[in-house]
């Protein structure tokens, strides 16, 4: 029978952790409730122990003490579970202090509890930590408090954060192997040019014979790399620094984002990612009771591409004047036409929030497929490029060896 690790609280608010056997997660939750526990988190023990609860991982996290997006996501989901179980906000936060795994996050939750116990609202407490809880996060919680549906708002917010994190994790994990392949290949070629080729260079120079053109080019490249590696590294670092400084300026950022959108493959991928982020965020905000104008203002802040963000500024102005959302979105041409058409259907049927979330789901799948295809093409392309470079080195050396021995090639 599968094992499930759980994190729960008893009637007195004490945190309880452990492992139990159950056929499925629902049965594990039911058994905990039968033991008069309030379940906070229940998941398969193998996945939990293998991915999250390893002791060295905890210690490494404590060293860096950075509150990550995953920490906020777990906090949101666990707080939602406690509020749905009937605990008041202050009691739930006191339980969350013991549940927090990072010392820094314990301090954050303690600060939230102090504000709430002092008479402040949860959204007011969250707004005091803008680097951890975004404006979007705070406004969704405030909307839940205003409508008296805070657990529901936290549930939607937790799902929103989980979906966003899953997409980021997928893209990151998909790019790990190509980056590793490029790094290993680059290091291998540099080692050949700086350590292997010079050994042959001594032999060729002693022979005193004219070398083939490709061999001459290769030896010149090797000598330049060995003699001026510091200059090459310095020039590359300087170019990177200047380019980064330029991109950080408003004009440079706008030009870089415009170039990204015009790229054949990357541009379509960026549009799909931003469409998914825009639709999920706007749909979640509207479903949580945030007015559409306020929701558009919040969504504009989380869009990473400045060109699209500026277009959303114009969309906001036109919606403020009374136009439907879909019309300016279609005219601005910042999102795929299919996504805008689905938004139009949502407006006409009065189910805009549902259709926006459906758009987000569809483009999440599309982004995953695009990343998968991109990586499947990138890997053989990188292998081919490195193969050609290594082949050029080998053939250049062989040509020189054959010319010394006057063997026809």
Protein backbone atom coordinates (compact mmCIF):
# COMPACT_ATOMS: atom_id res chain seq x y z
CA UNK A 1 0.00 0.00 0.00
CA UNK A 2 1.38 3.47 -0.88
CA UNK A 3 2.85 5.68 1.83
CA UNK A 4 1.77 9.30 2.26
CA UNK A 5 3.64 11.89 4.25
CA UNK A 6 1.48 14.45 5.95
CA UNK A 7 1.68 17.75 7.74
CA UNK A 8 -1.31 18.54 9.95
CA UNK A 9 -2.35 20.33 13.11
CA UNK A 10 -4.26 18.99 16.09
CA UNK A 11 -7.11 20.64 17.97
CA UNK A 12 -4.69 22.70 20.08
CA UNK A 13 -2.92 24.05 16.99
CA UNK A 14 0.23 21.94 17.41
CA UNK A 15 1.96 20.94 14.19
CA UNK A 16 2.10 17.19 13.54
CA UNK A 17 4.15 15.41 10.85
CA UNK A 18 4.32 11.77 9.91
CA UNK A 19 3.73 9.00 7.36
CA UNK A 20 0.72 6.73 6.97
CA UNK A 21 -0.49 4.04 4.57
CA UNK A 22 -3.48 4.67 2.29
CA UNK A 23 -4.73 3.56 -1.09
CA UNK A 24 -5.05 7.15 -2.30
CA UNK A 25 -4.62 10.72 -1.13
CA UNK A 26 -8.33 11.17 -0.30
CA UNK A 27 -8.23 8.17 2.03
CA UNK A 28 -5.14 9.60 3.76
CA UNK A 29 -6.95 12.92 4.30
CA UNK A 30 -10.03 11.09 5.64
CA UNK A 31 -7.90 9.08 8.07
CA UNK A 32 -6.24 12.24 9.37
CA UNK A 33 -9.61 13.88 9.87
CA UNK A 34 -10.76 10.76 11.71
CA UNK A 35 -7.79 11.25 14.04
CA UNK A 36 -9.07 14.80 14.75
CA UNK A 37 -6.22 16.33 12.76
CA UNK A 38 -6.57 19.23 10.34
CA UNK A 39 -4.58 18.25 7.20
CA UNK A 40 -2.31 20.93 5.83
CA UNK A 41 -0.36 18.98 3.22
CA UNK A 42 -0.64 15.35 2.14
CA UNK A 43 1.44 13.87 -0.67
CA UNK A 44 3.11 10.65 -1.77
CA UNK A 45 5.98 9.88 0.60
CA UNK A 46 8.37 8.86 -2.16
CA UNK A 47 7.97 12.14 -4.01
CA UNK A 48 8.01 14.16 -0.82
CA UNK A 49 11.10 12.52 0.60
CA UNK A 50 12.86 12.38 -2.72
CA UNK A 51 12.30 15.93 -3.80
CA UNK A 52 11.55 18.20 -0.93
CA UNK A 53 12.30 16.82 2.50
CA UNK A 54 15.88 15.66 2.16
CA UNK A 55 17.88 16.97 5.10
CA UNK A 56 20.74 18.33 3.03
CA UNK A 57 18.31 20.24 0.82
CA UNK A 58 16.83 21.90 3.90
CA UNK A 59 20.26 22.87 5.17
CA UNK A 60 21.25 24.25 1.78
CA UNK A 61 18.07 26.33 1.70
CA UNK A 62 18.81 27.65 5.18
CA UNK A 63 22.25 28.74 4.04
CA UNK A 64 20.93 30.97 1.29
CA UNK A 65 17.80 31.99 3.22
CA UNK A 66 16.00 33.20 0.13
CA UNK A 67 12.22 33.09 0.09
CA UNK A 68 11.42 31.51 -3.27
CA UNK A 69 8.24 31.44 -5.33
CA UNK A 70 7.73 27.83 -4.21
CA UNK A 71 7.80 28.92 -0.56
CA UNK A 72 5.07 31.48 -1.25
CA UNK A 73 3.05 28.90 -3.18
CA UNK A 74 3.21 26.38 -0.33
CA UNK A 75 2.39 29.04 2.23
CA UNK A 76 -0.69 30.02 0.23
CA UNK A 77 -1.91 26.45 -0.17
CA UNK A 78 -1.31 25.54 3.47
CA UNK A 79 -2.96 28.72 4.77
CA UNK A 80 -5.95 28.03 2.54
CA UNK A 81 -6.26 24.50 3.97
CA UNK A 82 -6.24 25.83 7.53
CA UNK A 83 -8.82 28.55 6.82
CA UNK A 84 -11.09 26.07 5.04
CA UNK A 85 -10.86 23.88 8.15
CA UNK A 86 -12.39 26.72 10.15
CA UNK A 87 -9.35 28.24 11.87
CA UNK A 88 -9.27 32.04 12.21
CA UNK A 89 -6.51 33.90 10.38
CA UNK A 90 -4.39 34.56 13.47
CA UNK A 91 -4.57 30.93 14.62
CA UNK A 92 -3.74 29.71 11.12
CA UNK A 93 -0.72 32.00 10.93
CA UNK A 94 0.56 30.78 14.29
CA UNK A 95 0.41 27.23 12.94
CA UNK A 96 2.20 28.34 9.77
CA UNK A 97 5.10 29.69 11.83
CA UNK A 98 5.88 26.15 13.01
CA UNK A 99 5.26 24.74 9.53
CA UNK A 100 7.71 27.10 7.79
CA UNK A 101 10.98 25.32 6.95
CA UNK A 102 13.17 28.40 6.41
CA UNK A 103 14.08 30.60 9.34
CA UNK A 104 13.71 33.76 7.28
CA UNK A 105 10.21 32.78 6.22
CA UNK A 106 9.35 32.01 9.85
CA UNK A 107 10.21 35.63 10.58
CA UNK A 108 7.99 36.81 7.73
CA UNK A 109 5.01 34.78 8.96
CA UNK A 110 5.66 36.03 12.50
CA UNK A 111 5.49 39.58 11.17
CA UNK A 112 2.19 38.79 9.43
CA UNK A 113 0.79 37.38 12.67
CA UNK A 114 1.90 40.44 14.65
CA UNK A 115 0.11 42.77 12.24
CA UNK A 116 -3.07 40.68 12.26
CA UNK A 117 -3.08 40.44 16.05
CA UNK A 118 -2.65 44.22 16.16
CA UNK A 119 -5.94 44.66 14.32
CA UNK A 120 -4.69 44.82 10.73
CA UNK A 121 -6.03 42.74 7.85
CA UNK A 122 -4.10 39.95 6.20
CA UNK A 123 -3.72 41.97 2.98
CA UNK A 124 -2.33 44.89 4.98
CA UNK A 125 0.17 42.55 6.63
CA UNK A 126 1.19 41.06 3.27
CA UNK A 127 1.70 44.52 1.74
CA UNK A 128 4.52 45.14 4.23
CA UNK A 129 6.63 42.52 2.41
CA UNK A 130 6.54 43.70 -1.24
CA UNK A 131 9.64 41.71 -2.20
CA UNK A 132 7.94 38.46 -1.17
CA UNK A 133 4.25 39.07 -1.83
CA UNK A 134 3.59 40.92 -5.08
CA UNK A 135 0.99 43.61 -5.61
CA UNK A 136 -1.04 41.05 -7.52
CA UNK A 137 -0.94 38.68 -4.55
CA UNK A 138 -1.96 41.38 -2.07
CA UNK A 139 -4.84 42.61 -4.22
CA UNK A 140 -6.27 39.12 -4.67
CA UNK A 141 -6.19 38.58 -0.90
CA UNK A 142 -7.80 41.99 -0.36
CA UNK A 143 -10.55 41.11 -2.84
CA UNK A 144 -11.18 37.86 -0.94
CA UNK A 145 -11.36 39.72 2.36
CA UNK A 146 -13.75 42.30 0.94
CA UNK A 147 -16.08 39.64 -0.45
CA UNK A 148 -15.86 37.45 2.65
CA UNK A 149 -14.40 34.58 0.61
CA UNK A 150 -10.75 34.64 1.72
CA UNK A 151 -10.29 30.82 1.64
CA UNK A 152 -11.69 30.72 -1.91
CA UNK A 153 -9.41 33.56 -3.00
CA UNK A 154 -6.39 31.81 -1.47
CA UNK A 155 -7.38 28.56 -3.17
CA UNK A 156 -7.48 30.27 -6.56
CA UNK A 157 -4.27 32.10 -5.80
CA UNK A 158 -2.54 28.87 -4.80
CA UNK A 159 -3.67 27.20 -8.02
CA UNK A 160 -2.50 30.23 -10.00
CA UNK A 161 0.94 30.13 -8.37
CA UNK A 162 1.21 26.36 -8.85
CA UNK A 163 0.38 26.53 -12.56
CA UNK A 164 2.79 29.41 -13.09
CA UNK A 165 5.54 27.56 -11.21
CA UNK A 166 4.93 24.35 -13.17
CA UNK A 167 5.38 26.18 -16.46
CA UNK A 168 8.60 27.86 -15.29
CA UNK A 169 9.95 24.55 -13.99
CA UNK A 170 9.15 22.80 -17.26
CA UNK A 171 10.95 25.40 -19.38
CA UNK A 172 13.94 25.41 -17.03
CA UNK A 173 14.26 21.62 -16.91
CA UNK A 174 13.90 21.38 -20.69
CA UNK A 175 16.86 23.73 -21.20
CA UNK A 176 19.19 22.03 -18.70
CA UNK A 177 20.50 19.36 -21.09
CA UNK A 178 21.19 21.70 -24.07
CA UNK A 179 23.03 24.12 -21.78
CA UNK A 180 25.04 21.30 -20.25
CA UNK A 181 25.82 19.94 -23.70
CA UNK A 182 26.99 23.33 -24.90
CA UNK A 183 29.14 23.86 -21.82
CA UNK A 184 30.85 20.46 -22.05
CA UNK A 185 31.39 20.83 -25.79
CA UNK A 186 32.84 24.31 -25.42
CA UNK A 187 35.21 23.25 -22.65
CA UNK A 188 36.34 20.24 -24.70
CA UNK A 189 37.17 22.39 -27.74
CA UNK A 190 39.03 24.95 -25.61
CA UNK A 191 41.11 22.15 -24.04
CA UNK A 192 41.97 20.81 -27.50
CA UNK A 193 43.00 24.26 -28.72
CA UNK A 194 45.07 25.17 -25.65
CA UNK A 195 46.66 21.84 -24.65
CA UNK A 196 46.45 19.30 -27.48
CA UNK A 197 47.11 21.41 -30.60
CA UNK A 198 50.27 23.10 -29.16
CA UNK A 199 51.93 19.65 -28.86
CA UNK A 200 51.50 19.17 -32.60
CA UNK A 201 52.57 22.75 -33.26
CA UNK A 202 56.06 21.99 -31.90
CA UNK A 203 56.40 18.98 -34.19
CA UNK A 204 55.22 20.92 -37.25
CA UNK A 205 57.59 23.82 -36.59
CA UNK A 206 60.57 21.45 -36.29
CA UNK A 207 59.82 19.94 -39.69
CA UNK A 208 60.12 23.34 -41.38
CA UNK A 209 57.56 22.50 -44.07
CA UNK A 210 54.68 24.61 -45.33
CA UNK A 211 51.44 23.69 -43.60
CA UNK A 212 48.03 23.39 -45.24
CA UNK A 213 45.88 26.51 -44.98
CA UNK A 214 43.37 24.95 -42.54
CA UNK A 215 46.22 23.82 -40.29
CA UNK A 216 47.77 27.30 -40.36
CA UNK A 217 44.44 28.85 -39.37
CA UNK A 218 44.00 26.33 -36.57
CA UNK A 219 47.51 26.89 -35.19
CA UNK A 220 47.06 30.67 -35.34
CA UNK A 221 43.79 30.37 -33.44
CA UNK A 222 45.42 28.14 -30.83
CA UNK A 223 48.37 30.52 -30.37
CA UNK A 224 46.09 33.53 -30.08
CA UNK A 225 43.93 31.79 -27.52
CA UNK A 226 46.94 30.83 -25.41
CA UNK A 227 48.67 34.21 -25.66
CA UNK A 228 45.70 36.53 -25.35
CA UNK A 229 43.15 34.55 -23.35
CA UNK A 230 43.06 37.32 -20.75
CA UNK A 231 42.30 39.90 -23.43
CA UNK A 232 39.58 37.71 -24.97
CA UNK A 233 37.95 37.14 -21.57
CA UNK A 234 38.19 40.83 -20.73
CA UNK A 235 36.69 41.90 -24.05
CA UNK A 236 33.85 39.36 -23.70
CA UNK A 237 33.18 40.50 -20.14
CA UNK A 238 33.19 44.15 -21.19
CA UNK A 239 30.82 43.51 -24.09
CA UNK A 240 28.50 41.55 -21.80
CA UNK A 241 28.58 44.30 -19.16
CA UNK A 242 27.87 47.09 -21.68
CA UNK A 243 25.10 45.08 -23.34
CA UNK A 244 23.50 44.37 -19.96
CA UNK A 245 23.69 48.03 -18.95
CA UNK A 246 22.14 49.05 -22.27
CA UNK A 247 19.31 46.52 -21.95
CA UNK A 248 18.57 47.86 -18.47
CA UNK A 249 17.82 51.31 -19.91
CA UNK A 250 14.20 51.92 -21.06
CA UNK A 251 15.19 52.36 -24.70
CA UNK A 252 17.52 49.37 -24.73
CA UNK A 253 14.98 47.14 -22.99
CA UNK A 254 12.33 48.12 -25.53
CA UNK A 255 14.63 47.41 -28.49
CA UNK A 256 15.69 44.07 -27.03
CA UNK A 257 12.08 43.03 -26.41
CA UNK A 258 11.10 44.11 -29.94
CA UNK A 259 13.94 42.02 -31.35
CA UNK A 260 12.81 39.01 -29.33
CA UNK A 261 9.26 39.28 -30.66
CA UNK A 262 10.52 39.50 -34.25
CA UNK A 263 12.66 36.36 -33.89
CA UNK A 264 11.23 33.46 -35.97
CA UNK A 265 10.87 30.85 -33.20
CA UNK A 266 11.53 32.77 -29.98
CA UNK A 267 9.00 35.46 -30.87
CA UNK A 268 6.12 33.00 -31.17
CA UNK A 269 7.17 31.30 -27.95
CA UNK A 270 7.31 34.61 -26.05
CA UNK A 271 3.87 35.62 -27.33
CA UNK A 272 2.43 32.29 -26.21
CA UNK A 273 4.06 32.52 -22.77
CA UNK A 274 2.83 36.09 -22.25
CA UNK A 275 -0.65 35.13 -23.50
CA UNK A 276 -0.81 32.33 -20.94
CA UNK A 277 0.46 34.60 -18.14
CA UNK A 278 -1.94 37.41 -19.10
CA UNK A 279 -4.98 35.13 -19.38
CA UNK A 280 -4.33 33.19 -16.18
CA UNK A 281 -3.66 36.31 -14.11
CA UNK A 282 -6.58 38.33 -15.48
CA UNK A 283 -8.97 35.37 -15.24
CA UNK A 284 -7.95 34.64 -11.66
CA UNK A 285 -8.32 38.29 -10.64
CA UNK A 286 -11.75 38.66 -12.23
CA UNK A 287 -12.94 35.40 -10.69
CA UNK A 288 -11.73 36.64 -7.30
CA UNK A 289 -13.88 39.77 -7.61
CA UNK A 290 -11.28 42.33 -8.71
CA UNK A 291 -12.78 44.93 -11.14
CA UNK A 292 -11.51 44.53 -14.69
CA UNK A 293 -9.77 47.94 -14.84
CA UNK A 294 -7.89 47.27 -11.62
CA UNK A 295 -7.12 43.75 -12.84
CA UNK A 296 -5.70 45.08 -16.13
CA UNK A 297 -3.51 47.52 -14.22
CA UNK A 298 -2.15 44.66 -12.09
CA UNK A 299 -1.64 42.34 -15.07
CA UNK A 300 0.35 45.01 -16.88
CA UNK A 301 2.90 44.99 -14.05
CA UNK A 302 3.71 41.26 -14.35
CA UNK A 303 4.27 41.24 -18.13
CA UNK A 304 8.01 40.93 -18.70
CA UNK A 305 8.10 42.07 -22.34
CA UNK A 306 8.00 45.88 -22.37
CA UNK A 307 6.55 46.05 -25.88
CA UNK A 308 3.56 43.97 -24.79
CA UNK A 309 3.30 45.89 -21.50
CA UNK A 310 3.13 49.21 -23.38
CA UNK A 311 0.44 47.78 -25.65
CA UNK A 312 -1.55 46.70 -22.58
CA UNK A 313 -1.30 50.29 -21.34
CA UNK A 314 -3.14 51.38 -24.47
CA UNK A 315 -5.61 48.51 -24.07
CA UNK A 316 -6.29 49.68 -20.51
CA UNK A 317 -7.01 53.23 -21.69
CA UNK A 318 -9.48 52.03 -24.33
CA UNK A 319 -11.27 49.67 -21.94
CA UNK A 320 -11.49 52.57 -19.51
CA UNK A 321 -13.26 54.54 -22.25
CA UNK A 322 -15.87 51.79 -22.55
CA UNK A 323 -14.57 49.42 -25.22
CA UNK A 324 -14.58 45.66 -24.87
CA UNK A 325 -11.30 44.01 -23.99
CA UNK A 326 -11.06 41.85 -27.11
CA UNK A 327 -11.22 44.71 -29.65
CA UNK A 328 -8.08 46.62 -28.58
CA UNK A 329 -6.25 43.33 -27.95
CA UNK A 330 -6.95 42.27 -31.53
CA UNK A 331 -5.86 45.62 -32.96
CA UNK A 332 -2.66 45.76 -30.91
CA UNK A 333 -1.65 42.31 -32.26
CA UNK A 334 0.32 41.39 -29.14
CA UNK A 335 -1.26 37.98 -28.54
CA UNK A 336 -2.09 35.13 -30.93
CA UNK A 337 -5.40 35.75 -32.76
CA UNK A 338 -6.92 32.51 -31.45
CA UNK A 339 -6.44 33.64 -27.86
CA UNK A 340 -8.16 36.96 -28.58
CA UNK A 341 -11.05 35.21 -30.32
CA UNK A 342 -11.57 32.99 -27.27
CA UNK A 343 -11.60 36.11 -25.07
CA UNK A 344 -14.23 37.60 -27.39
CA UNK A 345 -16.39 34.49 -26.95
CA UNK A 346 -16.03 34.84 -23.18
CA UNK A 347 -17.21 38.44 -23.32
CA UNK A 348 -20.22 37.57 -25.46
CA UNK A 349 -21.28 34.68 -23.23
CA UNK A 350 -20.66 36.52 -19.97
CA UNK A 351 -18.04 33.97 -18.90
CA UNK A 352 -14.88 36.01 -19.41
CA UNK A 353 -13.07 34.60 -16.38
CA UNK A 354 -13.73 30.99 -17.42
CA UNK A 355 -12.61 31.63 -20.99
CA UNK A 356 -9.46 33.44 -19.85
CA UNK A 357 -8.49 30.47 -17.69
CA UNK A 358 -9.24 28.15 -20.61
CA UNK A 359 -6.95 30.26 -22.81
CA UNK A 360 -4.23 29.96 -20.16
CA UNK A 361 -4.57 26.16 -20.07
CA UNK A 362 -4.46 25.90 -23.87
CA UNK A 363 -1.38 28.09 -24.20
CA UNK A 364 0.35 26.33 -21.33
CA UNK A 365 0.07 23.13 -23.36
CA UNK A 366 1.14 24.97 -26.51
CA UNK A 367 4.21 26.39 -24.79
CA UNK A 368 5.19 22.95 -23.49
CA UNK A 369 4.90 21.50 -26.99
CA UNK A 370 6.84 24.38 -28.52
CA UNK A 371 9.63 24.06 -25.95
CA UNK A 372 9.73 20.31 -26.52
CA UNK A 373 10.04 20.76 -30.30
CA UNK A 374 12.59 23.54 -29.90
CA UNK A 375 14.78 21.44 -27.63
CA UNK A 376 14.42 18.39 -29.90
CA UNK A 377 15.81 20.52 -32.77
CA UNK A 378 18.37 22.36 -30.65
CA UNK A 379 20.10 19.26 -29.30
CA UNK A 380 21.02 17.69 -32.68
CA UNK A 381 21.96 21.13 -34.02
CA UNK A 382 24.41 21.63 -31.14
CA UNK A 383 25.81 18.12 -31.57
CA UNK A 384 26.25 18.75 -35.31
CA UNK A 385 27.97 22.11 -34.71
CA UNK A 386 30.39 20.62 -32.19
CA UNK A 387 30.98 17.66 -34.49
CA UNK A 388 31.88 19.99 -37.34
CA UNK A 389 34.29 21.93 -35.14
CA UNK A 390 35.98 18.79 -33.83
CA UNK A 391 36.03 17.39 -37.37
CA UNK A 392 37.73 20.54 -38.63
CA UNK A 393 40.41 20.22 -35.94
CA UNK A 394 41.03 16.54 -36.66
CA UNK A 395 41.13 16.95 -40.45
CA UNK A 396 43.47 19.96 -40.17
CA UNK A 397 45.89 17.90 -38.07
CA UNK A 398 45.69 14.92 -40.41
CA UNK A 399 46.33 17.12 -43.45
CA UNK A 400 49.48 18.44 -41.79
CA UNK A 401 50.66 14.92 -40.87
CA UNK A 402 50.04 13.63 -44.38
CA UNK A 403 51.81 16.62 -45.96
CA UNK A 404 54.91 15.96 -43.84
CA UNK A 405 55.04 12.38 -44.98
CA UNK A 406 54.09 13.33 -48.55
CA UNK A 407 51.19 10.89 -48.48
CA UNK A 408 48.35 11.90 -50.83
CA UNK A 409 45.08 12.63 -49.04
